Protein backbone atom coordinates (compact mmCIF):
# COMPACT_ATOMS: atom_id res chain seq x y z
CA MET A 1 -35.78 37.28 -25.98
CA PRO A 2 -33.92 34.15 -26.13
CA LYS A 3 -36.03 32.00 -28.22
CA LYS A 4 -37.88 29.07 -26.43
CA ALA A 5 -35.20 26.95 -28.96
CA ASP A 6 -32.73 28.57 -27.92
CA ILE A 7 -33.24 28.46 -23.66
CA SER A 8 -34.35 24.66 -23.85
CA MET A 9 -30.39 24.32 -25.68
CA THR A 10 -28.72 25.74 -22.92
CA THR A 11 -30.38 23.56 -20.50
CA LYS A 12 -29.54 20.49 -22.49
CA ALA A 13 -26.28 21.51 -22.42
CA LYS A 14 -26.27 22.18 -18.59
CA ARG A 15 -27.79 18.92 -18.52
CA LEU A 16 -24.46 17.28 -20.40
CA ILE A 17 -22.55 18.85 -18.89
CA LEU A 18 -23.58 17.97 -15.57
CA MET A 19 -24.28 14.59 -16.35
CA MET A 20 -20.37 14.27 -17.20
CA LEU A 21 -19.05 15.54 -13.94
CA THR A 22 -21.11 13.06 -12.46
CA PHE A 23 -19.65 10.26 -14.87
CA VAL A 24 -16.05 11.95 -13.97
CA SER A 25 -17.37 11.53 -9.96
CA VAL A 26 -18.09 8.92 -9.21
CA LEU A 27 -15.06 7.16 -11.80
CA THR A 28 -12.67 8.83 -9.74
CA GLU A 29 -14.28 7.73 -6.62
CA VAL A 30 -14.20 4.48 -7.34
CA HIS A 31 -10.76 4.82 -8.40
CA ALA A 32 -9.77 6.04 -4.93
CA GLN A 33 -11.68 2.77 -2.84
CA ASP A 34 -8.81 0.90 -4.79
CA HIS A 35 -7.10 0.30 -1.88
CA MET A 36 -3.27 -1.87 -1.37
CA GLU A 37 -4.67 -5.23 0.64
CA TYR A 38 -1.72 -7.36 2.55
CA MET A 39 -2.52 -11.20 2.50
CA GLY A 40 -6.23 -9.78 1.93
CA ILE A 41 -6.78 -7.65 4.13
CA SER A 42 -7.52 -4.15 3.01
CA MET A 43 -5.32 -1.42 4.71
CA ASN A 44 -8.13 1.24 4.04
CA GLN A 45 -9.01 0.78 7.77
CA THR A 46 -7.65 2.13 11.26
CA ILE A 47 -4.62 0.91 13.19
CA ASP A 48 -6.96 -1.06 14.93
CA SER A 49 -8.96 -2.49 13.18
CA PHE A 50 -6.27 -3.81 10.58
CA ALA A 51 -4.71 -5.44 13.92
CA VAL A 52 -7.44 -7.16 14.85
CA ALA A 53 -7.48 -8.69 11.22
CA LEU A 54 -4.14 -9.42 11.58
CA GLN A 55 -5.25 -11.34 14.88
CA ASP A 56 -8.03 -13.46 12.96
CA LYS A 57 -4.75 -14.60 10.76
CA GLY A 58 -3.07 -15.99 13.30
CA TYR A 59 -0.99 -13.03 13.18
CA LYS A 60 0.50 -11.64 17.30
CA LEU A 61 0.91 -8.30 18.40
CA SER A 62 4.49 -8.53 19.82
CA PRO A 63 6.05 -7.44 22.61
CA ALA A 64 8.55 -5.43 21.27
CA SER A 65 5.85 -3.31 19.91
CA GLN A 66 5.54 -1.60 23.49
CA LYS A 67 9.28 0.81 22.48
CA ALA A 68 7.95 1.42 19.27
CA PRO A 69 8.06 4.71 17.86
CA LYS A 70 4.45 6.77 17.84
CA GLY A 71 2.70 5.39 14.08
CA LYS A 72 4.13 1.72 14.17
CA ARG A 73 3.05 -1.99 15.86
CA LEU A 74 4.80 -4.56 15.30
CA PHE A 75 3.63 -8.30 15.44
CA VAL A 76 4.63 -11.73 14.53
CA GLY A 77 3.46 -14.29 12.36
CA SER A 78 3.49 -16.17 9.56
CA PHE A 79 4.08 -15.71 5.73
CA GLY A 80 3.29 -18.96 3.63
CA GLU A 81 6.29 -21.45 5.75
CA ASP A 82 8.49 -18.13 6.70
CA LYS A 83 8.20 -17.02 10.77
CA VAL A 84 8.36 -13.28 9.76
CA ASN A 85 8.47 -9.77 11.27
CA LEU A 86 5.90 -7.53 10.46
CA THR A 87 6.43 -4.07 11.36
CA VAL A 88 2.67 -1.67 10.14
CA SER A 89 3.54 1.54 9.87
CA TYR A 90 0.11 4.33 10.21
CA GLY A 91 -0.39 8.04 10.04
CA VAL A 92 -0.23 9.49 13.71
CA HIS A 93 -3.25 12.16 12.13
CA THR A 94 -5.53 9.54 10.95
CA HIS A 95 -4.76 5.81 12.23
CA TYR A 96 -5.02 4.58 9.18
CA VAL A 97 -2.23 1.89 7.96
CA THR A 98 -0.08 3.46 5.59
CA ASP A 99 2.78 0.76 5.40
CA VAL A 100 3.53 -3.11 5.98
CA ALA A 101 6.94 -3.95 5.87
CA VAL A 102 7.33 -7.64 6.19
CA ASP A 103 10.43 -8.96 7.23
CA PHE A 104 11.73 -12.66 6.64
CA PRO A 105 13.99 -14.42 8.75
CA GLU A 106 17.61 -14.38 7.49
CA GLU A 107 18.70 -17.40 5.33
CA LYS A 108 22.48 -18.02 6.24
CA ASP A 109 23.11 -19.72 2.44
CA LEU A 110 24.01 -16.98 0.01
CA GLN A 111 22.10 -19.33 -3.46
CA LYS A 112 18.95 -20.51 -1.42
CA PHE A 113 18.78 -17.08 -0.40
CA MET A 114 19.10 -15.97 -4.15
CA LEU A 115 17.02 -18.45 -5.04
CA PHE A 116 13.79 -16.82 -2.86
CA TYR A 117 14.77 -13.06 -3.51
CA GLU A 118 13.92 -14.24 -7.48
CA ALA A 119 11.22 -15.55 -6.66
CA MET A 120 9.88 -13.62 -4.80
CA LYS A 121 10.56 -11.24 -7.72
CA ARG A 122 8.27 -13.45 -9.35
CA VAL A 123 5.12 -13.72 -6.73
CA ILE A 124 5.38 -10.13 -6.52
CA THR A 125 4.65 -9.19 -10.25
CA GLU A 126 2.29 -12.26 -11.42
CA ALA A 127 -0.61 -10.64 -8.05
CA TYR A 128 0.72 -7.13 -9.10
CA CYS A 129 1.49 -6.93 -13.12
CA THR A 130 -2.13 -5.85 -15.32
CA ASP A 131 -2.57 -3.86 -17.86
CA GLY A 132 -2.16 -0.25 -16.61
CA GLU A 133 -0.11 -0.81 -13.34
CA VAL A 134 3.89 0.37 -14.45
CA VAL A 135 6.76 -2.81 -13.47
CA ASN A 136 9.99 -0.72 -11.52
CA GLU A 137 13.67 -2.33 -11.42
CA MET A 138 14.78 -0.05 -8.33
CA GLY A 139 18.78 0.27 -7.12
CA SER A 140 18.71 1.89 -3.45
CA MET A 141 20.91 4.25 -2.49
CA ASP A 142 22.91 1.80 -0.39
CA VAL A 143 23.34 -0.36 -4.02
CA LEU A 144 21.39 -3.83 -2.64
CA PRO A 145 19.08 -4.42 -5.04
CA THR A 146 15.77 -3.66 -5.20
CA TYR A 147 12.57 -5.18 -6.75
CA GLY A 148 9.33 -3.81 -7.10
CA MET A 149 5.61 -3.24 -8.24
CA SER A 150 3.41 0.71 -8.53
CA MET A 151 0.25 0.75 -9.08
CA ASP A 152 -1.70 4.39 -8.47
CA TYR A 153 -3.14 2.59 -5.71
CA GLY A 154 -0.62 2.01 -3.82
CA LYS A 155 3.45 -0.54 -4.51
CA VAL A 156 5.40 -2.69 -3.94
CA ILE A 157 9.26 -2.81 -2.95
CA ILE A 158 11.38 -6.31 -2.55
CA SER A 159 14.65 -5.28 -0.76
CA ILE A 160 18.06 -6.88 1.20
CA ASN A 161 17.51 -5.99 4.80
CA PRO A 162 21.48 -4.51 5.87
CA LYS A 163 20.51 -5.09 8.80
CA LYS A 164 21.24 -9.34 7.77
CA ASN A 165 23.77 -10.90 6.01
CA TYR A 166 20.72 -12.47 3.65
CA GLY A 167 17.66 -10.87 4.38
CA LEU A 168 14.85 -10.04 2.84
CA ILE A 169 12.26 -6.71 3.93
CA VAL A 170 9.01 -6.87 1.31
CA THR A 171 6.99 -3.51 1.74
CA TYR A 172 3.63 -2.98 0.86
CA THR A 173 2.12 0.94 1.05
CA ASP A 174 -1.22 2.31 0.37
CA GLN A 175 -0.54 5.34 -2.32
CA VAL A 176 -3.93 7.30 -1.23
CA ASN A 177 -3.50 6.90 3.28
CA THR A 178 0.07 8.36 2.55
CA VAL A 179 -0.71 11.09 0.56
CA GLU A 180 -3.96 12.04 3.56
CA GLU A 181 -1.95 11.46 5.88
CA ARG A 182 0.98 13.91 4.24
CA LYS A 183 -1.97 16.37 3.49
CA LEU A 184 -2.39 16.66 7.20
CA ARG A 185 0.92 16.60 8.97
CA TYR A 186 2.41 19.21 6.24
CA ASP A 187 -1.20 21.80 6.26
CA PRO A 188 -2.72 20.16 9.07
CA VAL A 189 -6.63 21.34 9.43
CA GLU A 190 -7.37 24.10 12.55
């Protein structure tokens, strides 16, 4: 029969392990709450809620949205001084926002376009480059330069629009919502 001191040590060890597991669980839960934002709007919401928040910021649902494929909604609005087209992608299973792509207007002058591209790189770097986040210079398959920031909770990619002479697209991706949608797409719950 174990001594009383042995039993209390076992109980203390169990409590310590339980406290550590609880602490790790809380940290994981807090970390999992980090989501990408677009213009201060959390992407951790359904497409319908996100659409309302965009409309509150002055965006309007584009008439072309009726012809958009399932999982996409199109909006028009302003990003700074630019009129932009916005493509919001969402999970067809979760209905949560996964990506927001901002399509800037075509620039006619190459020099102005390159200045805009470099300015956007600086803006993205200043907004998302903090300790613990990874900065990636990326090259795309079609040899058009891209630049991006990858964080635990998402990524922001600046790319040149191949459909325009001098067009720029900035894409915000929410990592958590994208992973959740993929889980349901490839391993559906019955």
